Amino acid sequence: MNTIVLCAEIMSESAVMVKKPEFDISKLIEDSLEFKLQACSEITIPQRKAGNWVTSAFSAFSLMLEGDVVTEYKEGEKIHRAPGQLSYFPANKWRRTLVNSENGARFVWVRGHFRVLNGLDLLSFYDVPRVVAFDDKGIIKVIMRAFIALDNSNEKNPMVIAVKRKALGFRLLSIILDAATIKPSAQRRIMELERFLPVIDYINLHYLEDVNVDQLAEMACLSKSQFHRQFKSALNLAPFEYVKKLRLNKAVKLLQRTDLNIAEIAEQAGWNDQFHFSRIFKASTGLSPQKYRQHMHTDFGAFLAGL
C-alpha cells in the first residue's frame, strides 16, 4: 500500500494510522530498556547537619538505615525519611537533606538511570512516590548493599560485573514500579509513539543515510510542521535529534569495539566531516572521541558495567 492510499484511509491528520504495525510498543520498550549505574555508596553522618542544595542528572534511591532525616525540595515539598524507608529522588530536581537526629544518620544509596527508546527516562512515564517502599523484610537493603559489594569485589571478568549490575538494577526497578502509577500523559505519549512506530523503524534502518524529513512526514500522513511537533511530543526529541542520537550510539560502539581511526568512525557513523563529528561528540559526552576511547581503555570493567 503506498503512502497516498494509506493517508486516504485516515479520517483526520491527528487520527491513529489504520495500518497495523507489524511490531508493538511493548516489544520496542523491551528491546530498548536499559539500566546504567552512576554511583553507589553507604554513608554515615555522625551528627545533626543541614546539607547544601544539590541536584543530579541521574535518579537516586536512598535507603535509610538509622536516624531521622527530612529532604526538602526547592518547590517547597518536604519528605520525612525514617529507618527502613526507600526514597526516590528524581533527576534534575534541586533538594537538600536535613539530619535532625542528634546521633546523625546512616543510609545506603544508588544513583543511575532507567531508559527506554534510545534515551527516554522510563520513570518520567510514572508518578513515583518520594517514599517508595518500607523494607520490612530487608530485601531492599540486600539489593542496595549488593551494588556496593560488587564495586568492591575481586571479580575480574567485566562481563560478569555488567550482568550482575544490570540484574540488581532491574530488581530495584521492579520494587519502584510496584509503588508507582503510570501518568495519564504517559498513556497519550505511548499512543503517539505507537503511531510513529513505522517511522521510527524506518529511521532505525536508514539513520546513516540522509534522512528526508518530508518523506517521514508523508509516511505519518502529516504536514512537515505537524510531524515535527507530534514526533517531538512523543519522543521528547526532534527528528534530527533522534537521528543524531542513533549516530552517536553507533560511534560509541565503534570506539569500544574497533581500532578504526576517528575519521573512519565518523564516516561509518554517518558524518562526512571528522571535525564536525568530534564537536558533536564532545558536546554530547563531554569528551572528545579520542579521550572517550582512552577513558574506556583505562578502566574497561567499569566501562562495560555502565559507569
Protein backbone atom coordinates (compact mmCIF):
# COMPACT_ATOMS: atom_id res chain seq x y z
CA MET A 1 0.00 0.00 0.00
CA ASN A 2 1.54 3.33 -0.94
CA THR A 3 1.52 6.42 1.22
CA ILE A 4 -1.22 8.22 -0.74
CA VAL A 5 -3.65 5.30 -0.40
CA LEU A 6 -2.78 4.88 3.27
CA CYS A 7 -3.37 8.58 4.00
CA ALA A 8 -6.76 8.37 2.29
CA GLU A 9 -7.82 5.85 4.92
CA ILE A 10 -7.21 8.30 7.74
CA MET A 11 -10.15 10.40 8.88
CA SER A 12 -8.02 13.33 10.06
CA GLU A 13 -4.38 14.30 10.35
CA SER A 14 -4.45 13.63 14.09
CA ALA A 15 -6.09 10.19 13.83
CA VAL A 16 -4.29 6.95 14.56
CA MET A 17 -2.97 5.23 11.45
CA VAL A 18 -5.26 2.48 10.15
CA LYS A 19 -2.42 0.26 9.08
CA LYS A 20 -1.41 -2.01 11.97
CA PRO A 21 2.34 -2.00 12.66
CA GLU A 22 4.00 -5.38 12.45
CA PHE A 23 5.50 -4.83 15.91
CA ASP A 24 4.09 -3.32 19.11
CA ILE A 25 5.18 -0.72 21.61
CA SER A 26 5.81 -3.27 24.38
CA LYS A 27 8.35 -5.06 22.18
CA LEU A 28 10.04 -1.77 21.34
CA ILE A 29 10.25 -0.84 25.02
CA GLU A 30 11.52 -4.30 25.97
CA ASP A 31 14.25 -4.15 23.32
CA SER A 32 15.43 -0.69 24.39
CA LEU A 33 15.12 -0.88 28.19
CA GLU A 34 18.46 -0.23 29.89
CA PHE A 35 19.88 0.47 33.33
CA LYS A 36 23.14 2.31 33.94
CA LEU A 37 24.65 2.85 37.37
CA GLN A 38 26.37 6.18 38.00
CA ALA A 39 27.46 5.71 41.64
CA CYS A 40 26.61 3.94 44.89
CA SER A 41 27.78 4.12 48.48
CA GLU A 42 26.94 3.65 52.14
CA ILE A 43 27.40 6.84 54.14
CA THR A 44 27.32 7.84 57.80
CA ILE A 45 26.67 11.39 59.00
CA PRO A 46 27.81 11.39 62.65
CA GLN A 47 25.77 14.34 63.93
CA ARG A 48 22.91 16.73 63.28
CA LYS A 49 23.54 18.55 59.99
CA ALA A 50 21.89 20.76 57.36
CA GLY A 51 23.05 19.79 53.87
CA ASN A 52 23.59 22.05 50.87
CA TRP A 53 21.26 22.31 47.87
CA VAL A 54 22.21 19.67 45.31
CA THR A 55 20.92 18.26 42.02
CA SER A 56 21.92 15.50 39.60
CA ALA A 57 21.19 14.41 36.04
CA PHE A 58 20.58 10.91 37.43
CA SER A 59 17.76 9.49 39.53
CA ALA A 60 18.78 8.44 43.03
CA PHE A 61 17.43 5.95 45.57
CA SER A 62 18.32 6.07 49.25
CA LEU A 63 17.53 3.52 51.96
CA MET A 64 17.61 4.95 55.48
CA LEU A 65 19.32 2.65 57.96
CA GLU A 66 19.47 4.86 61.06
CA GLY A 67 18.44 8.37 62.06
CA ASP A 68 15.75 10.95 61.42
CA VAL A 69 16.02 12.92 58.18
CA VAL A 70 13.96 15.43 56.16
CA THR A 71 14.59 16.11 52.46
CA GLU A 72 13.35 19.47 51.19
CA TYR A 73 12.77 20.36 47.54
CA LYS A 74 13.09 23.82 46.00
CA GLU A 75 9.39 23.73 45.12
CA GLY A 76 8.62 23.58 48.86
CA GLU A 77 7.85 19.87 49.25
CA LYS A 78 9.30 18.25 52.39
CA ILE A 79 9.70 14.49 52.83
CA HIS A 80 10.30 12.89 56.21
CA ARG A 81 12.53 9.85 55.98
CA ALA A 82 12.70 7.17 58.66
CA PRO A 83 14.78 3.99 59.04
CA GLY A 84 13.66 1.23 56.70
CA GLN A 85 12.24 3.58 54.05
CA LEU A 86 13.43 3.66 50.44
CA SER A 87 13.25 7.18 48.99
CA TYR A 88 13.27 8.30 45.36
CA PHE A 89 14.97 11.49 44.17
CA PRO A 90 14.07 12.42 40.58
CA ALA A 91 16.76 13.61 38.20
CA ASN A 92 17.31 17.37 37.81
CA LYS A 93 15.41 18.31 40.98
CA TRP A 94 17.11 20.63 43.49
CA ARG A 95 16.96 19.33 47.06
CA ARG A 96 18.73 19.42 50.41
CA THR A 97 18.75 16.98 53.30
CA LEU A 98 18.47 17.90 56.97
CA VAL A 99 19.67 15.38 59.57
CA ASN A 100 17.54 16.02 62.65
CA SER A 101 18.73 13.20 64.92
CA GLU A 102 21.41 14.16 67.42
CA ASN A 103 23.41 11.00 66.73
CA GLY A 104 23.37 11.57 62.98
CA ALA A 105 22.15 9.20 60.30
CA ARG A 106 23.26 6.30 58.13
CA PHE A 107 21.96 5.31 54.72
CA VAL A 108 22.88 3.47 51.55
CA TRP A 109 22.20 5.00 48.14
CA VAL A 110 22.31 4.18 44.44
CA ARG A 111 22.32 6.73 41.61
CA GLY A 112 21.69 5.88 37.95
CA HIS A 113 19.03 5.85 35.25
CA PHE A 114 16.47 3.56 33.65
CA ARG A 115 15.94 4.43 29.99
CA VAL A 116 13.84 3.28 27.06
CA LEU A 117 13.55 4.16 23.37
CA ASN A 118 17.11 5.44 22.93
CA GLY A 119 17.32 7.65 25.96
CA LEU A 120 13.86 8.43 27.40
CA ASP A 121 13.73 8.34 31.21
CA LEU A 122 11.48 5.37 31.99
CA LEU A 123 10.41 6.86 35.32
CA SER A 124 9.19 10.02 33.54
CA PHE A 125 6.24 7.91 32.38
CA TYR A 126 5.24 7.28 36.02
CA ASP A 127 4.19 9.09 39.17
CA VAL A 128 6.70 7.65 41.63
CA PRO A 129 6.15 8.47 45.32
CA ARG A 130 9.04 10.17 47.10
CA VAL A 131 8.98 7.36 49.66
CA VAL A 132 8.86 4.25 47.52
CA ALA A 133 8.70 1.36 49.97
CA PHE A 134 9.32 0.16 53.52
CA ASP A 135 11.98 -2.53 53.71
CA ASP A 136 10.30 -4.73 56.31
CA LYS A 137 11.94 -7.92 55.01
CA GLY A 138 15.39 -6.47 54.37
CA ILE A 139 15.26 -7.29 50.65
CA ILE A 140 15.98 -3.73 49.52
CA LYS A 141 18.97 -3.46 51.85
CA VAL A 142 20.38 -6.65 50.34
CA ILE A 143 19.99 -5.23 46.82
CA MET A 144 21.49 -1.84 47.69
CA ARG A 145 24.47 -3.32 49.50
CA ALA A 146 24.99 -5.80 46.67
CA PHE A 147 25.71 -2.84 44.35
CA ILE A 148 28.47 -1.70 46.70
CA ALA A 149 29.81 -5.21 47.26
CA LEU A 150 30.06 -5.68 43.50
CA ASP A 151 32.09 -2.45 43.24
CA ASN A 152 34.49 -3.75 45.90
CA SER A 153 34.65 -7.37 44.73
CA ASN A 154 37.67 -9.14 43.27
CA GLU A 155 35.69 -10.14 40.19
CA LYS A 156 37.95 -9.69 37.14
CA ASN A 157 35.53 -10.59 34.37
CA PRO A 158 33.90 -7.36 33.12
CA MET A 159 31.03 -9.29 31.55
CA VAL A 160 30.11 -10.84 34.91
CA ILE A 161 30.21 -7.41 36.56
CA ALA A 162 27.98 -5.91 33.87
CA VAL A 163 25.40 -8.71 34.01
CA LYS A 164 25.20 -8.69 37.82
CA ARG A 165 24.86 -4.91 37.95
CA LYS A 166 22.05 -4.94 35.36
CA ALA A 167 20.26 -7.70 37.29
CA LEU A 168 20.41 -5.67 40.52
CA GLY A 169 19.14 -2.59 38.69
CA PHE A 170 16.11 -4.38 37.32
CA ARG A 171 15.31 -5.94 40.72
CA LEU A 172 15.33 -2.43 42.16
CA LEU A 173 13.17 -1.18 39.27
CA SER A 174 10.52 -3.84 39.92
CA ILE A 175 10.18 -2.60 43.52
CA ILE A 176 9.91 1.01 42.33
CA LEU A 177 7.24 0.27 39.72
CA ASP A 178 5.16 -1.70 42.24
CA ALA A 179 4.71 1.59 44.11
CA ALA A 180 4.29 3.79 41.02
CA THR A 181 1.30 4.63 38.83
CA ILE A 182 1.52 5.41 35.14
CA LYS A 183 0.77 9.04 34.25
CA PRO A 184 -2.27 9.84 32.08
CA SER A 185 0.09 11.84 29.87
CA ALA A 186 2.28 8.76 29.53
CA GLN A 187 -0.61 6.83 28.04
CA ARG A 188 -1.03 9.61 25.48
CA ARG A 189 2.69 9.58 24.76
CA ILE A 190 2.63 5.81 24.29
CA MET A 191 -0.28 6.16 21.85
CA GLU A 192 1.72 8.80 19.98
CA LEU A 193 4.74 6.52 19.96
CA GLU A 194 2.62 3.70 18.54
CA ARG A 195 1.59 5.98 15.68
CA PHE A 196 5.23 6.73 14.91
CA LEU A 197 6.49 3.13 15.13
CA PRO A 198 6.73 2.69 11.34
CA VAL A 199 8.61 6.00 11.10
CA ILE A 200 10.93 5.04 13.97
CA ASP A 201 11.54 1.67 12.36
CA TYR A 202 12.44 3.39 9.08
CA ILE A 203 14.82 5.81 10.81
CA ASN A 204 16.45 2.96 12.74
CA LEU A 205 17.22 1.27 9.42
CA HIS A 206 18.33 4.38 7.49
CA TYR A 207 19.84 6.77 10.07
CA LEU A 208 23.29 6.54 8.47
CA GLU A 209 21.84 7.98 5.28
CA ASP A 210 20.47 11.47 4.60
CA VAL A 211 17.05 11.07 6.20
CA ASN A 212 14.44 13.22 4.46
CA VAL A 213 12.02 14.80 6.94
CA ASP A 214 9.48 15.48 4.19
CA GLN A 215 9.42 11.74 3.42
CA LEU A 216 9.00 10.90 7.11
CA ALA A 217 6.10 13.36 7.43
CA GLU A 218 4.47 11.77 4.39
CA MET A 219 4.83 8.32 5.97
CA ALA A 220 2.98 9.62 9.05
CA CYS A 221 0.37 11.38 6.89
CA LEU A 222 1.16 14.74 8.48
CA SER A 223 2.37 18.09 7.28
CA LYS A 224 6.04 18.76 7.96
CA SER A 225 5.31 21.16 10.83
CA GLN A 226 2.74 18.82 12.41
CA PHE A 227 5.08 15.87 12.04
CA HIS A 228 7.92 17.74 13.75
CA ARG A 229 5.67 18.86 16.63
CA GLN A 230 4.00 15.48 17.22
CA PHE A 231 7.22 13.49 16.84
CA LYS A 232 8.90 15.67 19.47
CA SER A 233 5.88 15.34 21.76
CA ALA A 234 6.04 11.53 21.50
CA LEU A 235 9.80 11.04 21.86
CA ASN A 236 10.94 14.24 23.59
CA LEU A 237 13.35 14.60 20.68
CA ALA A 238 13.07 16.39 17.37
CA PRO A 239 13.54 14.08 14.34
CA PHE A 240 17.07 15.36 13.63
CA GLU A 241 17.97 14.91 17.33
CA TYR A 242 16.74 11.32 17.20
CA VAL A 243 18.91 10.66 14.14
CA LYS A 244 21.90 12.29 15.85
CA LYS A 245 21.40 10.13 18.95
CA LEU A 246 21.41 6.94 16.87
CA ARG A 247 24.58 8.05 15.07
CA LEU A 248 26.31 8.86 18.35
CA ASN A 249 25.36 5.42 19.72
CA LYS A 250 26.91 3.89 16.59
CA ALA A 251 30.07 5.95 17.09
CA VAL A 252 30.34 4.84 20.73
CA LYS A 253 30.11 1.18 19.73
CA LEU A 254 32.81 1.66 17.09
CA LEU A 255 35.07 3.39 19.65
CA GLN A 256 34.52 0.49 22.05
CA ARG A 257 34.86 -2.41 19.67
CA THR A 258 37.22 -1.40 16.86
CA ASP A 259 40.62 0.16 16.26
CA LEU A 260 39.30 2.41 13.48
CA ASN A 261 40.68 5.94 13.48
CA ILE A 262 38.39 8.88 14.25
CA ALA A 263 37.87 9.81 10.58
CA GLU A 264 36.78 6.26 9.76
CA ILE A 265 34.46 6.15 12.75
CA ALA A 266 32.91 9.48 11.76
CA GLU A 267 32.23 8.19 8.25
CA GLN A 268 30.77 4.89 9.42
CA ALA A 269 28.57 6.70 11.95
CA GLY A 270 27.05 8.95 9.28
CA TRP A 271 29.27 12.06 9.30
CA ASN A 272 31.41 13.07 6.34
CA ASP A 273 33.30 15.70 8.33
CA GLN A 274 35.55 14.32 11.08
CA PHE A 275 35.83 17.66 12.87
CA HIS A 276 32.08 18.27 12.83
CA PHE A 277 31.61 14.77 14.27
CA SER A 278 34.19 15.45 17.01
CA ARG A 279 32.45 18.70 18.01
CA ILE A 280 29.06 16.98 18.23
CA PHE A 281 30.51 14.03 20.15
CA LYS A 282 32.25 16.26 22.71
CA ALA A 283 29.14 18.41 23.15
CA SER A 284 27.15 15.23 23.90
CA THR A 285 29.60 13.31 26.13
CA GLY A 286 31.93 15.98 27.49
CA LEU A 287 34.90 14.16 25.95
CA SER A 288 36.46 14.12 22.51
CA PRO A 289 36.20 10.76 20.69
CA GLN A 290 39.90 10.11 21.36
CA LYS A 291 39.62 10.95 25.08
CA TYR A 292 36.49 8.80 25.32
CA ARG A 293 38.35 5.84 23.88
CA GLN A 294 41.27 6.38 26.27
CA HIS A 295 38.90 6.58 29.22
CA MET A 296 37.20 3.33 28.18
CA HIS A 297 40.55 1.53 27.85
CA THR A 298 41.75 2.82 31.24
CA ASP A 299 39.00 1.02 33.19
CA PHE A 300 37.34 -1.43 30.83
CA GLY A 301 35.48 -3.33 33.58
CA ALA A 302 33.80 -0.22 34.97
CA PHE A 303 33.09 0.99 31.44
CA LEU A 304 31.25 -2.20 30.47
CA ALA A 305 29.39 -2.24 33.75
CA GLY A 306 27.78 1.07 32.91
CA LEU A 307 29.85 3.61 34.84
